[in-house]
Amino acid sequence: MARNLTAVAALAVAAVTLAAVAAAGPVAAKQRVAIQWTAKGFVLTPLTAGALKSDTGTASFCCWSQRFSTRDGLKIEVTDPEMTLVGKRGTLVARNRVEWLDVPQGYALFTGTWRVVRGTGDYAGLAGGGRVAGVTLPNGEARWRREGFLGPS
């Protein structure tokens, strides 16, 4: 009798769990994206299928701290700028952590990470982030690419 009650209880728990999961509906997957800087501004390109569509617009950076460290004899500058992308589909604000390396003849290489802080329009309610890599040329022009995953928070 006790064995039957245990089996019935286990089935009841399983049924309640399955019903709760079914009621919650499907979970939206994160979408892989690339954000690249061009002479005309940023271009956001979805790399996998999902809700986000291609977008273009302006990018600005502000509000960062700066520190220096030496790693294995190489001087590294570490910054954490806030990036604001204003596109046709909304505004996306992300916080970055970037490590800069000076290269001879005025070049600088950088790599780091980025994560979403907030957004409007198509970017409202998103979470995620990824990696960044780029170069600053001797004339001050920067070229960079960010890749990562964005999805509902």
N, C-alpha and C. Protein backbone atom coordinates (compact mmCIF):
# COMPACT_ATOMS: atom_id res chain seq x y z
N MET A 1 0.82 -1.19 0.00
CA MET A 1 0.00 0.00 0.00
C MET A 1 0.87 1.26 0.00
N ALA A 2 1.91 1.26 0.86
CA ALA A 2 2.80 2.42 0.93
C ALA A 2 3.51 2.62 -0.39
N ARG A 3 3.85 1.51 -1.06
CA ARG A 3 4.53 1.60 -2.34
C ARG A 3 3.61 2.23 -3.39
N ASN A 4 2.32 1.89 -3.36
CA ASN A 4 1.35 2.46 -4.29
C ASN A 4 1.18 3.96 -4.04
N LEU A 5 1.12 4.37 -2.77
CA LEU A 5 0.99 5.78 -2.44
C LEU A 5 2.21 6.57 -2.91
N THR A 6 3.40 5.99 -2.75
CA THR A 6 4.63 6.65 -3.19
C THR A 6 4.61 6.82 -4.70
N ALA A 7 4.20 5.79 -5.43
CA ALA A 7 4.14 5.87 -6.89
C ALA A 7 3.12 6.92 -7.33
N VAL A 8 1.96 6.96 -6.69
CA VAL A 8 0.94 7.94 -7.03
C VAL A 8 1.44 9.36 -6.74
N ALA A 9 2.11 9.52 -5.60
CA ALA A 9 2.65 10.84 -5.25
C ALA A 9 3.70 11.28 -6.27
N ALA A 10 4.57 10.37 -6.68
CA ALA A 10 5.60 10.69 -7.66
C ALA A 10 4.98 11.09 -8.99
N LEU A 11 3.94 10.36 -9.41
CA LEU A 11 3.24 10.71 -10.65
C LEU A 11 2.56 12.07 -10.55
N ALA A 12 1.99 12.38 -9.39
CA ALA A 12 1.35 13.67 -9.20
C ALA A 12 2.36 14.81 -9.29
N VAL A 13 3.51 14.64 -8.66
CA VAL A 13 4.57 15.65 -8.72
C VAL A 13 5.03 15.85 -10.16
N ALA A 14 5.21 14.75 -10.89
CA ALA A 14 5.65 14.83 -12.28
C ALA A 14 4.60 15.54 -13.13
N ALA A 15 3.34 15.25 -12.91
CA ALA A 15 2.27 15.89 -13.68
C ALA A 15 2.22 17.39 -13.42
N VAL A 16 2.34 17.79 -12.15
CA VAL A 16 2.33 19.21 -11.81
C VAL A 16 3.52 19.92 -12.44
N THR A 17 4.69 19.30 -12.40
CA THR A 17 5.90 19.89 -12.98
C THR A 17 5.74 20.05 -14.49
N LEU A 18 5.27 19.02 -15.17
CA LEU A 18 5.08 19.11 -16.62
C LEU A 18 4.04 20.17 -16.99
N ALA A 19 2.98 20.28 -16.21
CA ALA A 19 1.96 21.30 -16.48
C ALA A 19 2.53 22.70 -16.31
N ALA A 20 3.36 22.90 -15.29
CA ALA A 20 3.96 24.21 -15.06
C ALA A 20 4.91 24.58 -16.19
N VAL A 21 5.70 23.62 -16.64
CA VAL A 21 6.64 23.88 -17.73
C VAL A 21 5.87 24.19 -19.01
N ALA A 22 4.82 23.45 -19.30
CA ALA A 22 4.02 23.68 -20.51
C ALA A 22 3.34 25.04 -20.47
N ALA A 23 2.88 25.46 -19.29
CA ALA A 23 2.20 26.75 -19.16
C ALA A 23 3.17 27.91 -19.36
N ALA A 24 4.43 27.70 -19.04
CA ALA A 24 5.41 28.77 -19.16
C ALA A 24 5.68 29.12 -20.62
N GLY A 25 5.45 28.20 -21.53
CA GLY A 25 5.66 28.47 -22.95
C GLY A 25 7.12 28.30 -23.34
N PRO A 26 7.41 28.50 -24.60
CA PRO A 26 8.78 28.29 -25.07
C PRO A 26 9.72 29.39 -24.56
N VAL A 27 10.96 29.02 -24.35
CA VAL A 27 11.98 29.96 -23.92
C VAL A 27 12.68 30.49 -25.16
N ALA A 28 12.74 31.80 -25.31
CA ALA A 28 13.39 32.39 -26.47
C ALA A 28 14.90 32.20 -26.37
N ALA A 29 15.49 31.74 -27.44
CA ALA A 29 16.93 31.50 -27.46
C ALA A 29 17.66 32.82 -27.69
N LYS A 30 18.89 32.86 -27.22
CA LYS A 30 19.72 34.04 -27.51
C LYS A 30 20.15 34.00 -28.97
N GLN A 31 20.26 35.17 -29.54
CA GLN A 31 20.60 35.31 -30.96
C GLN A 31 22.03 35.81 -31.09
N ARG A 32 22.81 35.17 -31.95
CA ARG A 32 24.19 35.59 -32.17
C ARG A 32 24.19 36.78 -33.11
N VAL A 33 24.95 37.83 -32.74
CA VAL A 33 25.01 39.06 -33.53
C VAL A 33 26.45 39.52 -33.69
N ALA A 34 26.67 40.33 -34.73
CA ALA A 34 27.94 41.02 -34.92
C ALA A 34 27.63 42.51 -35.03
N ILE A 35 28.48 43.33 -34.40
CA ILE A 35 28.36 44.79 -34.49
C ILE A 35 29.71 45.29 -34.98
N GLN A 36 29.70 45.93 -36.13
CA GLN A 36 30.96 46.38 -36.73
C GLN A 36 30.92 47.87 -36.98
N TRP A 37 32.06 48.51 -36.80
CA TRP A 37 32.20 49.94 -37.04
C TRP A 37 32.69 50.16 -38.46
N THR A 38 32.01 51.03 -39.20
CA THR A 38 32.45 51.42 -40.54
C THR A 38 32.61 52.93 -40.55
N ALA A 39 33.06 53.46 -41.66
CA ALA A 39 33.22 54.92 -41.77
C ALA A 39 31.89 55.64 -41.64
N LYS A 40 30.78 54.96 -41.93
CA LYS A 40 29.46 55.57 -41.87
C LYS A 40 28.76 55.36 -40.53
N GLY A 41 29.32 54.55 -39.63
CA GLY A 41 28.70 54.26 -38.35
C GLY A 41 28.71 52.78 -38.06
N PHE A 42 27.82 52.34 -37.16
CA PHE A 42 27.81 50.92 -36.82
C PHE A 42 26.84 50.17 -37.72
N VAL A 43 27.10 48.88 -37.86
CA VAL A 43 26.21 47.96 -38.55
C VAL A 43 26.01 46.76 -37.64
N LEU A 44 24.76 46.50 -37.22
CA LEU A 44 24.44 45.32 -36.44
C LEU A 44 23.89 44.28 -37.40
N THR A 45 24.49 43.09 -37.39
CA THR A 45 24.09 42.02 -38.29
C THR A 45 23.76 40.77 -37.49
N PRO A 46 22.54 40.26 -37.59
CA PRO A 46 22.23 38.98 -36.95
C PRO A 46 23.01 37.86 -37.64
N LEU A 47 23.64 36.99 -36.86
CA LEU A 47 24.38 35.86 -37.43
C LEU A 47 23.58 34.57 -37.33
N THR A 48 22.49 34.58 -36.55
CA THR A 48 21.58 33.45 -36.47
C THR A 48 20.15 34.00 -36.53
N ALA A 49 19.21 33.12 -36.81
CA ALA A 49 17.81 33.52 -36.90
C ALA A 49 17.29 33.95 -35.53
N GLY A 50 16.35 34.90 -35.53
CA GLY A 50 15.76 35.36 -34.28
C GLY A 50 15.01 36.65 -34.49
N ALA A 51 14.63 37.27 -33.39
CA ALA A 51 13.80 38.48 -33.42
C ALA A 51 14.55 39.71 -33.92
N LEU A 52 15.85 39.80 -33.65
CA LEU A 52 16.60 41.00 -34.06
C LEU A 52 16.86 41.02 -35.55
N LYS A 53 16.72 42.21 -36.12
CA LYS A 53 16.96 42.42 -37.54
C LYS A 53 18.18 43.33 -37.71
N SER A 54 18.72 43.40 -38.90
CA SER A 54 19.87 44.27 -39.18
C SER A 54 19.53 45.71 -38.82
N ASP A 55 20.55 46.45 -38.40
CA ASP A 55 20.36 47.85 -38.02
C ASP A 55 21.64 48.62 -38.31
N THR A 56 21.51 49.91 -38.51
CA THR A 56 22.65 50.81 -38.71
C THR A 56 22.40 52.09 -37.94
N GLY A 57 23.48 52.81 -37.64
CA GLY A 57 23.33 54.07 -36.94
C GLY A 57 24.66 54.59 -36.43
N THR A 58 24.59 55.40 -35.38
CA THR A 58 25.79 56.02 -34.82
C THR A 58 26.20 55.33 -33.53
N ALA A 59 27.48 55.42 -33.21
CA ALA A 59 28.02 54.87 -31.97
C ALA A 59 28.76 55.98 -31.25
N SER A 60 28.56 56.05 -29.94
CA SER A 60 29.32 57.01 -29.13
C SER A 60 29.80 56.31 -27.87
N PHE A 61 30.87 56.84 -27.29
CA PHE A 61 31.48 56.25 -26.10
C PHE A 61 31.67 57.35 -25.06
N CYS A 62 31.42 57.01 -23.81
CA CYS A 62 31.62 58.00 -22.74
C CYS A 62 31.87 57.28 -21.41
N CYS A 63 32.11 58.08 -20.42
CA CYS A 63 31.99 57.69 -19.01
C CYS A 63 32.87 56.50 -18.62
N TRP A 64 34.16 56.60 -18.85
CA TRP A 64 35.00 55.46 -18.51
C TRP A 64 36.11 55.82 -17.54
N SER A 65 36.61 54.79 -16.91
CA SER A 65 37.80 54.93 -16.08
C SER A 65 38.97 54.33 -16.86
N GLN A 66 40.17 54.64 -16.38
CA GLN A 66 41.38 54.21 -17.07
C GLN A 66 42.41 53.83 -16.02
N ARG A 67 43.06 52.70 -16.24
CA ARG A 67 44.16 52.30 -15.37
C ARG A 67 45.20 51.59 -16.23
N PHE A 68 46.40 51.50 -15.68
CA PHE A 68 47.50 50.88 -16.40
C PHE A 68 48.06 49.75 -15.55
N SER A 69 48.51 48.70 -16.24
CA SER A 69 49.19 47.61 -15.56
C SER A 69 50.28 47.09 -16.48
N THR A 70 51.16 46.31 -15.94
CA THR A 70 52.20 45.68 -16.73
C THR A 70 52.05 44.18 -16.58
N ARG A 71 51.93 43.52 -17.72
CA ARG A 71 51.75 42.07 -17.74
C ARG A 71 52.89 41.46 -18.53
N ASP A 72 53.70 40.65 -17.87
CA ASP A 72 54.87 40.02 -18.51
C ASP A 72 55.74 41.05 -19.22
N GLY A 73 55.90 42.22 -18.61
CA GLY A 73 56.75 43.27 -19.14
C GLY A 73 56.09 44.19 -20.15
N LEU A 74 54.85 43.91 -20.53
CA LEU A 74 54.14 44.73 -21.52
C LEU A 74 53.14 45.63 -20.82
N LYS A 75 53.21 46.95 -21.13
CA LYS A 75 52.29 47.92 -20.54
C LYS A 75 50.92 47.79 -21.20
N ILE A 76 49.86 47.66 -20.37
CA ILE A 76 48.50 47.51 -20.86
C ILE A 76 47.63 48.60 -20.24
N GLU A 77 46.84 49.26 -21.08
CA GLU A 77 45.86 50.23 -20.60
C GLU A 77 44.50 49.53 -20.55
N VAL A 78 43.80 49.66 -19.44
CA VAL A 78 42.48 49.04 -19.28
C VAL A 78 41.45 50.14 -19.10
N THR A 79 40.41 50.13 -19.95
CA THR A 79 39.33 51.11 -19.87
C THR A 79 37.98 50.38 -19.80
N ASP A 80 36.93 51.11 -19.40
CA ASP A 80 35.59 50.52 -19.31
C ASP A 80 34.53 51.47 -19.86
N PRO A 81 34.62 51.85 -21.14
CA PRO A 81 33.68 52.83 -21.68
C PRO A 81 32.26 52.29 -21.82
N GLU A 82 31.31 53.22 -21.71
CA GLU A 82 29.92 52.90 -22.01
C GLU A 82 29.70 53.23 -23.48
N MET A 83 29.18 52.26 -24.23
CA MET A 83 28.94 52.43 -25.66
C MET A 83 27.44 52.60 -25.88
N THR A 84 27.06 53.63 -26.64
CA THR A 84 25.66 53.85 -26.99
C THR A 84 25.51 53.76 -28.50
N LEU A 85 24.72 52.79 -28.95
CA LEU A 85 24.41 52.63 -30.36
C LEU A 85 23.00 53.17 -30.59
N VAL A 86 22.87 54.17 -31.45
CA VAL A 86 21.56 54.73 -31.78
C VAL A 86 21.28 54.37 -33.22
N GLY A 87 20.34 53.43 -33.41
CA GLY A 87 20.02 52.95 -34.74
C GLY A 87 18.58 53.24 -35.12
N LYS A 88 18.19 52.74 -36.28
CA LYS A 88 16.83 52.92 -36.77
C LYS A 88 15.82 52.10 -35.96
N ARG A 89 16.30 51.04 -35.29
CA ARG A 89 15.41 50.14 -34.56
C ARG A 89 15.42 50.38 -33.05
N GLY A 90 16.19 51.36 -32.59
CA GLY A 90 16.24 51.67 -31.16
C GLY A 90 17.65 52.01 -30.70
N THR A 91 17.80 52.10 -29.38
CA THR A 91 19.09 52.43 -28.77
C THR A 91 19.54 51.26 -27.92
N LEU A 92 20.81 50.90 -28.04
CA LEU A 92 21.41 49.83 -27.25
C LEU A 92 22.60 50.42 -26.51
N VAL A 93 22.60 50.28 -25.18
CA VAL A 93 23.70 50.77 -24.34
C VAL A 93 24.42 49.56 -23.75
N ALA A 94 25.74 49.54 -23.89
CA ALA A 94 26.54 48.43 -23.38
C ALA A 94 27.76 48.96 -22.64
N ARG A 95 28.18 48.24 -21.61
CA ARG A 95 29.40 48.55 -20.87
C ARG A 95 30.51 47.64 -21.40
N ASN A 96 31.67 48.20 -21.62
CA ASN A 96 32.81 47.47 -22.17
C ASN A 96 33.93 47.36 -21.15
N ARG A 97 34.76 46.38 -21.29
CA ARG A 97 36.04 46.28 -20.59
C ARG A 97 37.06 46.01 -21.67
N VAL A 98 37.96 46.98 -21.89
CA VAL A 98 38.86 46.91 -23.04
C VAL A 98 40.31 47.01 -22.57
N GLU A 99 41.16 46.15 -23.12
CA GLU A 99 42.61 46.20 -22.87
C GLU A 99 43.30 46.66 -24.14
N TRP A 100 44.12 47.71 -23.99
CA TRP A 100 44.80 48.35 -25.12
C TRP A 100 46.29 48.03 -25.08
N LEU A 101 46.86 47.76 -26.24
CA LEU A 101 48.30 47.53 -26.39
C LEU A 101 48.83 48.49 -27.44
N ASP A 102 49.85 49.27 -27.08
CA ASP A 102 50.47 50.16 -28.06
C ASP A 102 51.40 49.36 -28.96
N VAL A 103 51.35 49.71 -30.25
CA VAL A 103 52.19 49.07 -31.26
C VAL A 103 53.01 50.18 -31.89
N PRO A 104 54.24 49.92 -32.34
CA PRO A 104 55.07 50.97 -32.95
C PRO A 104 54.36 51.71 -34.09
N GLN A 105 54.77 52.94 -34.31
CA GLN A 105 54.32 53.82 -35.38
C GLN A 105 52.88 54.29 -35.19
N GLY A 106 52.41 54.38 -33.92
CA GLY A 106 51.13 55.00 -33.64
C GLY A 106 49.91 54.11 -33.66
N TYR A 107 50.08 52.82 -33.86
CA TYR A 107 48.94 51.90 -33.85
C TYR A 107 48.65 51.44 -32.42
N ALA A 108 47.41 51.05 -32.18
CA ALA A 108 47.03 50.44 -30.91
C ALA A 108 46.05 49.31 -31.20
N LEU A 109 46.29 48.18 -30.57
CA LEU A 109 45.38 47.04 -30.68
C LEU A 109 44.57 46.96 -29.41
N PHE A 110 43.32 46.49 -29.52
CA PHE A 110 42.53 46.31 -28.31
C PHE A 110 41.63 45.10 -28.42
N THR A 111 41.33 44.53 -27.28
CA THR A 111 40.42 43.41 -27.17
C THR A 111 39.71 43.51 -25.83
N GLY A 112 38.56 42.89 -25.73
CA GLY A 112 37.85 42.96 -24.46
C GLY A 112 36.48 42.32 -24.53
N THR A 113 35.62 42.75 -23.62
CA THR A 113 34.26 42.22 -23.53
C THR A 113 33.25 43.36 -23.48
N TRP A 114 32.00 43.03 -23.77
CA TRP A 114 30.90 44.00 -23.67
C TRP A 114 29.67 43.28 -23.15
N ARG A 115 28.81 44.04 -22.44
CA ARG A 115 27.55 43.49 -21.93
C ARG A 115 26.48 44.57 -21.98
N VAL A 116 25.27 44.15 -22.27
CA VAL A 116 24.14 45.08 -22.39
C VAL A 116 23.79 45.66 -21.03
N VAL A 117 23.57 46.98 -21.01
CA VAL A 117 23.12 47.68 -19.81
C VAL A 117 21.62 47.97 -19.91
N ARG A 118 21.19 48.49 -21.07
CA ARG A 118 19.77 48.81 -21.28
C ARG A 118 19.54 49.05 -22.78
N GLY A 119 18.26 49.14 -23.14
CA GLY A 119 17.93 49.40 -24.53
C GLY A 119 16.53 49.94 -24.68
N THR A 120 16.25 50.48 -25.87
CA THR A 120 14.91 50.96 -26.22
C THR A 120 14.54 50.35 -27.56
N GLY A 121 13.28 50.49 -27.94
CA GLY A 121 12.83 49.96 -29.22
C GLY A 121 13.02 48.45 -29.28
N ASP A 122 13.57 47.95 -30.38
CA ASP A 122 13.81 46.52 -30.53
C ASP A 122 14.79 45.97 -29.50
N TYR A 123 15.56 46.86 -28.86
CA TYR A 123 16.58 46.43 -27.90
C TYR A 123 16.10 46.47 -26.45
N ALA A 124 14.86 46.89 -26.22
CA ALA A 124 14.31 46.95 -24.87
C ALA A 124 14.20 45.53 -24.31
N GLY A 125 14.60 45.37 -23.06
CA GLY A 125 14.48 44.09 -22.38
C GLY A 125 15.49 43.04 -22.79
N LEU A 126 16.54 43.44 -23.50
CA LEU A 126 17.56 42.47 -23.91
C LEU A 126 18.65 42.34 -22.86
N ALA A 127 19.27 41.19 -22.84
CA ALA A 127 20.45 40.93 -22.02
C ALA A 127 21.46 40.22 -22.91
N GLY A 128 22.69 40.21 -22.48
CA GLY A 128 23.72 39.50 -23.22
C GLY A 128 24.97 40.33 -23.38
N GLY A 129 25.85 39.87 -24.24
CA GLY A 129 27.12 40.54 -24.47
C GLY A 129 28.03 39.62 -25.26
N GLY A 130 29.31 39.98 -25.27
CA GLY A 130 30.27 39.17 -26.03
C GLY A 130 31.66 39.74 -25.97
N ARG A 131 32.40 39.60 -27.06
CA ARG A 131 33.80 40.01 -27.16
C ARG A 131 33.96 41.12 -28.19
N VAL A 132 35.04 41.86 -28.06
CA VAL A 132 35.38 42.91 -29.01
C VAL A 132 36.85 42.80 -29.36
N ALA A 133 37.19 43.14 -30.61
CA ALA A 133 38.58 43.25 -31.05
C ALA A 133 38.66 44.40 -32.04
N GLY A 134 39.78 45.11 -32.01
CA GLY A 134 39.92 46.23 -32.93
C GLY A 134 41.31 46.80 -32.98
N VAL A 135 41.44 47.85 -33.80
CA VAL A 135 42.70 48.54 -33.97
C VAL A 135 42.42 50.03 -34.10
N THR A 136 43.30 50.84 -33.54
CA THR A 136 43.27 52.29 -33.76
C THR A 136 44.47 52.62 -34.63
N LEU A 137 44.21 53.31 -35.74
CA LEU A 137 45.26 53.66 -36.70
C LEU A 137 45.98 54.91 -36.24
N PRO A 138 47.17 55.19 -36.79
CA PRO A 138 47.91 56.39 -36.39
C PRO A 138 47.13 57.69 -36.56
N ASN A 139 46.18 57.75 -37.49
CA ASN A 139 45.38 58.97 -37.70
C ASN A 139 44.22 59.08 -36.71
N GLY A 140 44.09 58.12 -35.79
CA GLY A 140 43.04 58.15 -34.78
C GLY A 140 41.79 57.38 -35.15
N GLU A 141 41.68 56.96 -36.40
CA GLU A 141 40.52 56.20 -36.84
C GLU A 141 40.54 54.81 -36.21
N ALA A 142 39.39 54.37 -35.73
CA ALA A 142 39.29 53.04 -35.11
C ALA A 142 38.49 52.11 -36.00
N ARG A 143 38.87 50.85 -35.96
CA ARG A 143 38.12 49.79 -36.63
C ARG A 143 37.93 48.69 -35.62
N TRP A 144 36.67 48.27 -35.44
CA TRP A 144 36.42 47.23 -34.45
C TRP A 144 35.24 46.37 -34.86
N ARG A 145 35.16 45.22 -34.19
CA ARG A 145 34.06 44.29 -34.40
C ARG A 145 33.72 43.66 -33.04
N ARG A 146 32.42 43.65 -32.74
CA ARG A 146 31.91 43.00 -31.53
C ARG A 146 31.04 41.84 -31.98
N GLU A 147 31.19 40.70 -31.33
CA GLU A 147 30.31 39.57 -31.55
C GLU A 147 29.84 39.06 -30.22
N GLY A 148 28.62 38.52 -30.21
CA GLY A 148 28.09 37.98 -28.97
C GLY A 148 26.68 37.49 -29.14
N PHE A 149 26.00 37.33 -28.00
CA PHE A 149 24.65 36.80 -27.97
C PHE A 149 23.72 37.76 -27.25
N LEU A 150 22.54 38.01 -27.84
CA LEU A 150 21.51 38.86 -27.24
C LEU A 150 20.19 38.11 -27.19
N GLY A 151 19.48 38.29 -26.11
CA GLY A 151 18.18 37.66 -25.96
C GLY A 151 17.41 38.30 -24.83
N PRO A 152 16.19 37.84 -24.61
CA PRO A 152 15.37 38.42 -23.53
C PRO A 152 16.05 38.26 -22.17
N SER A 153 15.90 39.29 -21.34
CA SER A 153 16.51 39.21 -20.00
C SER A 153 15.65 38.41 -19.05
